[in-house]
N, C-alpha and C. Protein backbone atom coordinates (compact mmCIF):
# COMPACT_ATOMS: atom_id res chain seq x y z
N MET A 1 -14.92 5.26 14.14
CA MET A 1 -13.70 5.18 14.59
C MET A 1 -13.46 5.84 12.78
N ASP A 2 -13.15 7.20 12.22
CA ASP A 2 -12.87 7.83 11.47
C ASP A 2 -11.41 6.41 10.38
N ALA A 3 -11.44 6.20 9.49
CA ALA A 3 -10.16 5.82 9.40
C ALA A 3 -8.63 6.83 9.13
N GLU A 4 -9.33 7.78 8.25
CA GLU A 4 -8.05 8.96 8.59
C GLU A 4 -7.45 9.40 10.00
N THR A 5 -8.44 9.42 10.53
CA THR A 5 -8.01 9.96 12.23
C THR A 5 -7.65 8.32 13.34
N SER A 6 -7.38 7.87 12.20
CA SER A 6 -7.32 6.28 13.42
C SER A 6 -6.16 5.92 13.12
N GLY A 7 -5.19 5.80 12.00
CA GLY A 7 -4.63 5.70 11.36
C GLY A 7 -4.60 4.16 10.43
N THR A 8 -5.37 3.98 10.12
CA THR A 8 -5.48 2.70 9.91
C THR A 8 -6.12 3.01 7.78
N VAL A 9 -5.07 2.68 7.86
CA VAL A 9 -4.86 2.61 6.54
C VAL A 9 -5.48 1.39 5.40
N VAL A 10 -6.21 0.58 5.55
CA VAL A 10 -6.90 -0.58 4.86
C VAL A 10 -7.83 -1.20 6.49
N CYS A 11 -9.46 -0.89 5.40
CA CYS A 11 -10.20 -1.89 6.67
C CYS A 11 -10.66 -2.45 6.06
N VAL A 12 -11.07 -3.66 6.24
CA VAL A 12 -11.97 -4.88 5.80
C VAL A 12 -12.71 -5.55 6.53
N GLU A 13 -13.72 -5.51 6.23
CA GLU A 13 -15.17 -6.09 6.40
C GLU A 13 -16.21 -6.96 5.98
N GLY A 14 -16.65 -7.43 6.70
CA GLY A 14 -16.71 -9.15 6.16
C GLY A 14 -16.49 -9.86 4.61
N LEU A 15 -15.42 -9.85 3.91
CA LEU A 15 -15.08 -10.03 3.27
C LEU A 15 -15.17 -11.13 2.81
N ARG A 16 -16.17 -11.56 1.74
CA ARG A 16 -16.32 -14.07 1.68
C ARG A 16 -16.36 -13.40 0.28
N ARG A 17 -15.39 -14.77 -0.07
CA ARG A 17 -15.43 -15.23 -1.51
C ARG A 17 -15.98 -16.52 -1.56
N THR A 18 -16.88 -17.30 -2.58
CA THR A 18 -17.15 -19.09 -2.91
C THR A 18 -16.57 -18.44 -4.43
N TYR A 19 -16.58 -20.07 -4.62
CA TYR A 19 -16.15 -20.78 -6.16
C TYR A 19 -17.03 -21.92 -5.82
N CYS A 20 -18.80 -21.53 -6.15
CA CYS A 20 -19.00 -22.78 -6.62
C CYS A 20 -20.38 -23.07 -4.62
N ALA A 21 -19.29 -24.00 -4.94
CA ALA A 21 -20.46 -24.48 -3.70
C ALA A 21 -18.97 -24.41 -2.56
N THR A 22 -17.88 -24.33 -2.62
CA THR A 22 -16.69 -23.82 -2.01
C THR A 22 -16.48 -22.65 -1.03
N VAL A 23 -16.22 -22.49 -0.22
CA VAL A 23 -16.28 -20.82 0.22
C VAL A 23 -14.68 -21.02 0.65
N ALA A 24 -14.36 -20.11 -0.06
CA ALA A 24 -13.01 -19.47 0.18
C ALA A 24 -12.37 -18.22 1.27
N VAL A 25 -13.46 -18.19 1.33
CA VAL A 25 -13.04 -16.72 2.85
C VAL A 25 -14.49 -16.86 3.17
N ASP A 26 -14.02 -16.82 4.10
CA ASP A 26 -15.40 -16.40 4.73
C ASP A 26 -16.12 -15.12 5.85
N GLY A 27 -16.35 -14.19 5.49
CA GLY A 27 -16.42 -12.90 5.87
C GLY A 27 -15.21 -12.73 6.91
N ILE A 28 -13.63 -12.62 6.79
CA ILE A 28 -13.10 -11.79 7.17
C ILE A 28 -13.00 -10.40 7.60
N SER A 29 -12.50 -9.76 8.70
CA SER A 29 -12.65 -8.83 8.96
C SER A 29 -10.54 -8.18 9.04
N PHE A 30 -10.72 -7.37 8.44
CA PHE A 30 -9.17 -6.97 10.07
C PHE A 30 -9.17 -4.88 9.59
N ASP A 31 -7.82 -4.53 10.30
CA ASP A 31 -7.23 -3.42 10.42
C ASP A 31 -6.44 -3.27 9.79
N LEU A 32 -5.42 -2.54 8.91
CA LEU A 32 -3.81 -2.67 9.23
C LEU A 32 -3.68 -0.90 9.18
N ARG A 33 -2.67 -0.44 10.17
CA ARG A 33 -2.43 0.59 10.42
C ARG A 33 -0.89 1.40 10.00
N GLU A 34 -0.99 2.76 9.48
CA GLU A 34 0.50 2.89 8.76
C GLU A 34 1.48 2.53 9.97
N GLY A 35 2.17 2.07 8.78
CA GLY A 35 3.44 1.37 9.52
C GLY A 35 3.49 -0.13 9.91
N GLU A 36 2.55 -0.38 10.06
CA GLU A 36 2.40 -2.23 10.28
C GLU A 36 3.20 -2.98 8.69
N ILE A 37 3.22 -4.41 9.51
CA ILE A 37 3.51 -5.07 8.50
C ILE A 37 2.67 -6.21 9.09
N PHE A 38 2.21 -6.77 7.54
CA PHE A 38 1.01 -7.06 8.08
C PHE A 38 0.79 -8.33 6.80
N GLY A 39 1.66 -10.18 7.43
CA GLY A 39 1.19 -11.33 7.40
C GLY A 39 -0.16 -12.48 6.77
N ILE A 40 -0.38 -12.87 6.00
CA ILE A 40 -1.75 -13.93 6.15
C ILE A 40 -0.85 -15.60 6.47
N ILE A 41 -1.15 -16.48 6.87
CA ILE A 41 -0.81 -17.34 7.02
C ILE A 41 -1.49 -18.62 6.92
N GLY A 42 -1.79 -19.49 6.69
CA GLY A 42 -2.30 -20.67 6.69
C GLY A 42 -2.29 -22.14 5.04
N ARG A 43 -2.90 -22.61 6.20
CA ARG A 43 -3.06 -24.49 5.22
C ARG A 43 -2.73 -23.62 3.53
N ASN A 44 -2.86 -25.01 2.85
CA ASN A 44 -3.01 -24.81 1.27
C ASN A 44 -4.50 -24.37 1.24
N GLY A 45 -4.77 -23.63 0.29
CA GLY A 45 -6.94 -23.51 0.23
C GLY A 45 -7.55 -22.52 2.06
N ALA A 46 -6.83 -21.81 2.27
CA ALA A 46 -7.17 -21.55 3.71
C ALA A 46 -7.81 -20.26 3.22
N GLY A 47 -7.47 -19.74 1.71
CA GLY A 47 -8.23 -18.43 0.83
C GLY A 47 -6.96 -17.10 0.93
N LYS A 48 -5.48 -17.31 1.58
CA LYS A 48 -5.04 -16.34 1.31
C LYS A 48 -4.48 -15.53 -0.17
N THR A 49 -4.58 -16.40 -0.66
CA THR A 49 -4.02 -15.40 -2.20
C THR A 49 -5.68 -15.28 -2.96
N THR A 50 -7.13 -15.45 -2.44
CA THR A 50 -8.27 -15.21 -2.93
C THR A 50 -8.07 -13.91 -1.54
N THR A 51 -7.55 -13.79 -0.96
CA THR A 51 -8.03 -12.81 -0.47
C THR A 51 -7.26 -11.56 -1.02
N ILE A 52 -5.97 -11.62 -0.87
CA ILE A 52 -5.12 -10.78 -1.66
C ILE A 52 -5.76 -10.17 -2.48
N GLU A 53 -6.19 -11.10 -3.32
CA GLU A 53 -6.46 -10.82 -4.54
C GLU A 53 -8.42 -10.13 -4.50
N CYS A 54 -8.78 -10.52 -3.63
CA CYS A 54 -9.91 -9.13 -3.28
C CYS A 54 -9.49 -8.01 -3.67
N LEU A 55 -8.50 -7.94 -2.02
CA LEU A 55 -8.15 -6.24 -1.60
C LEU A 55 -7.69 -5.52 -3.00
N ALA A 56 -6.96 -6.69 -3.50
CA ALA A 56 -5.94 -6.07 -5.79
C ALA A 56 -6.87 -5.32 -6.08
N GLY A 57 -8.34 -5.77 -6.09
CA GLY A 57 -9.28 -5.98 -6.83
C GLY A 57 -9.15 -7.08 -8.44
N LEU A 58 -8.55 -8.28 -8.00
CA LEU A 58 -7.69 -8.76 -9.44
C LEU A 58 -8.74 -9.68 -8.84
N ARG A 59 -9.71 -9.90 -8.26
CA ARG A 59 -11.16 -10.80 -8.62
C ARG A 59 -12.21 -10.43 -7.31
N LYS A 60 -13.07 -10.40 -8.00
CA LYS A 60 -14.15 -9.94 -6.86
C LYS A 60 -15.04 -10.70 -5.68
N SER A 61 -15.58 -9.73 -4.79
CA SER A 61 -16.15 -10.88 -3.23
C SER A 61 -17.44 -10.62 -3.26
N ASP A 62 -18.16 -11.68 -2.94
CA ASP A 62 -19.72 -11.85 -3.14
C ASP A 62 -19.77 -10.56 -2.31
N GLN A 63 -19.03 -10.79 -0.59
CA GLN A 63 -19.63 -9.47 -0.18
C GLN A 63 -18.63 -8.89 1.09
N GLY A 64 -19.03 -8.13 2.00
CA GLY A 64 -18.24 -6.98 1.81
C GLY A 64 -17.24 -6.12 1.64
N ILE A 65 -17.21 -5.32 2.92
CA ILE A 65 -16.34 -3.54 2.25
C ILE A 65 -15.01 -3.86 2.46
N VAL A 66 -13.89 -3.69 1.27
CA VAL A 66 -12.95 -2.66 1.80
C VAL A 66 -12.11 -1.19 1.49
N ARG A 67 -12.30 -0.65 3.04
CA ARG A 67 -11.75 0.19 2.63
C ARG A 67 -9.70 0.96 2.42
N PHE A 68 -9.75 2.26 1.82
CA PHE A 68 -8.97 2.43 1.46
C PHE A 68 -8.29 3.49 2.40
N SER A 69 -7.94 4.08 3.67
CA SER A 69 -8.31 5.44 4.02
C SER A 69 -9.34 6.02 3.96
N ALA A 70 -9.85 7.29 3.33
CA ALA A 70 -11.01 7.70 2.58
C ALA A 70 -11.63 7.38 1.88
N SER A 71 -11.31 6.38 1.28
CA SER A 71 -11.97 6.01 -0.23
C SER A 71 -12.07 4.36 0.73
N THR A 72 -14.23 4.17 -0.37
CA THR A 72 -14.64 2.91 0.07
C THR A 72 -14.39 2.24 -1.73
N HIS A 73 -13.83 0.78 -1.44
CA HIS A 73 -14.74 0.00 -2.64
C HIS A 73 -15.47 -1.56 -1.70
N GLY A 74 -16.30 -1.10 -2.11
CA GLY A 74 -17.18 -2.78 -2.12
C GLY A 74 -16.92 -3.54 -2.67
N VAL A 75 -17.98 -4.79 -3.36
CA VAL A 75 -17.55 -5.79 -3.41
C VAL A 75 -16.74 -5.54 -4.97
N ARG A 76 -16.87 -4.45 -5.13
CA ARG A 76 -16.64 -4.77 -6.88
C ARG A 76 -15.40 -3.59 -6.70
N ALA A 77 -14.43 -3.66 -5.47
CA ALA A 77 -13.29 -3.27 -6.14
C ALA A 77 -12.43 -3.54 -7.42
N THR A 78 -12.12 -2.49 -8.18
CA THR A 78 -11.49 -2.13 -9.27
C THR A 78 -9.62 -2.77 -8.95
N PRO A 79 -8.87 -3.20 -10.33
CA PRO A 79 -7.95 -2.87 -10.92
C PRO A 79 -7.13 -2.01 -9.83
N CYS A 80 -7.76 -0.36 -10.02
CA CYS A 80 -7.32 0.30 -9.46
C CYS A 80 -6.45 0.56 -8.48
N THR A 81 -7.29 -0.41 -7.60
CA THR A 81 -6.56 -0.68 -6.19
C THR A 81 -5.57 -1.30 -6.00
N CYS A 82 -4.82 -1.07 -7.49
CA CYS A 82 -3.17 -2.20 -7.16
C CYS A 82 -2.34 -1.01 -6.77
N ALA A 83 -2.88 0.20 -7.66
CA ALA A 83 -2.26 1.68 -7.76
C ALA A 83 -1.50 1.95 -5.64
N ARG A 84 -2.14 1.29 -5.19
CA ARG A 84 -2.42 1.77 -3.76
C ARG A 84 -0.88 1.03 -3.09
N GLY A 85 -0.24 -0.11 -3.78
CA GLY A 85 0.95 0.15 -3.10
C GLY A 85 1.02 -2.19 -2.83
N CYS A 86 -0.45 -2.15 -3.65
CA CYS A 86 -0.47 -4.11 -3.38
C CYS A 86 0.06 -4.99 -4.54
N SER A 87 0.57 -5.87 -4.53
CA SER A 87 1.13 -6.79 -5.42
C SER A 87 1.80 -8.18 -4.90
N CYS A 88 0.56 -8.51 -6.27
CA CYS A 88 0.33 -9.56 -6.14
C CYS A 88 1.85 -10.35 -7.15
N SER A 89 2.35 -11.89 -6.60
CA SER A 89 3.05 -12.77 -7.70
C SER A 89 3.13 -14.38 -7.27
N ARG A 90 3.12 -14.33 -8.32
CA ARG A 90 3.37 -16.37 -8.00
C ARG A 90 4.83 -16.54 -8.56
N PRO A 91 5.09 -17.41 -6.94
CA PRO A 91 6.40 -17.66 -7.36
C PRO A 91 6.84 -18.76 -7.89
N THR A 92 8.03 -18.70 -8.82
CA THR A 92 8.65 -20.51 -9.24
C THR A 92 9.87 -20.43 -9.41
N PHE A 93 9.59 -22.22 -9.28
CA PHE A 93 11.01 -22.74 -8.80
C PHE A 93 11.80 -23.13 -9.68
N THR A 94 13.01 -22.95 -10.37
CA THR A 94 13.67 -24.00 -11.48
C THR A 94 15.21 -24.48 -10.71
N THR A 95 14.95 -25.85 -11.52
CA THR A 95 16.67 -27.11 -10.80
C THR A 95 17.34 -27.09 -11.39
N GLY A 96 18.44 -26.40 -11.57
CA GLY A 96 19.35 -25.63 -12.84
C GLY A 96 20.03 -27.28 -13.32
């Protein structure tokens, strides 16, 4: 089914990212539909941040396809994907 006719705004297929021998993201696939609220949960080191960084184009994936509505970004997604509404941040805590 076409992403535009199904209401899917983000489609991820087989996303994979490794660091040397360590597999950070192992073939994750999912669809996000317009209006959905989506979260990724998991233990430390499960690949949550790496997945979001690959979607945002901040990190190259080794394999997989990411589609944003009608456009497709392969394993070489660029930082322009951030203009599609993705924001990555690192929380910091200070003590008073």
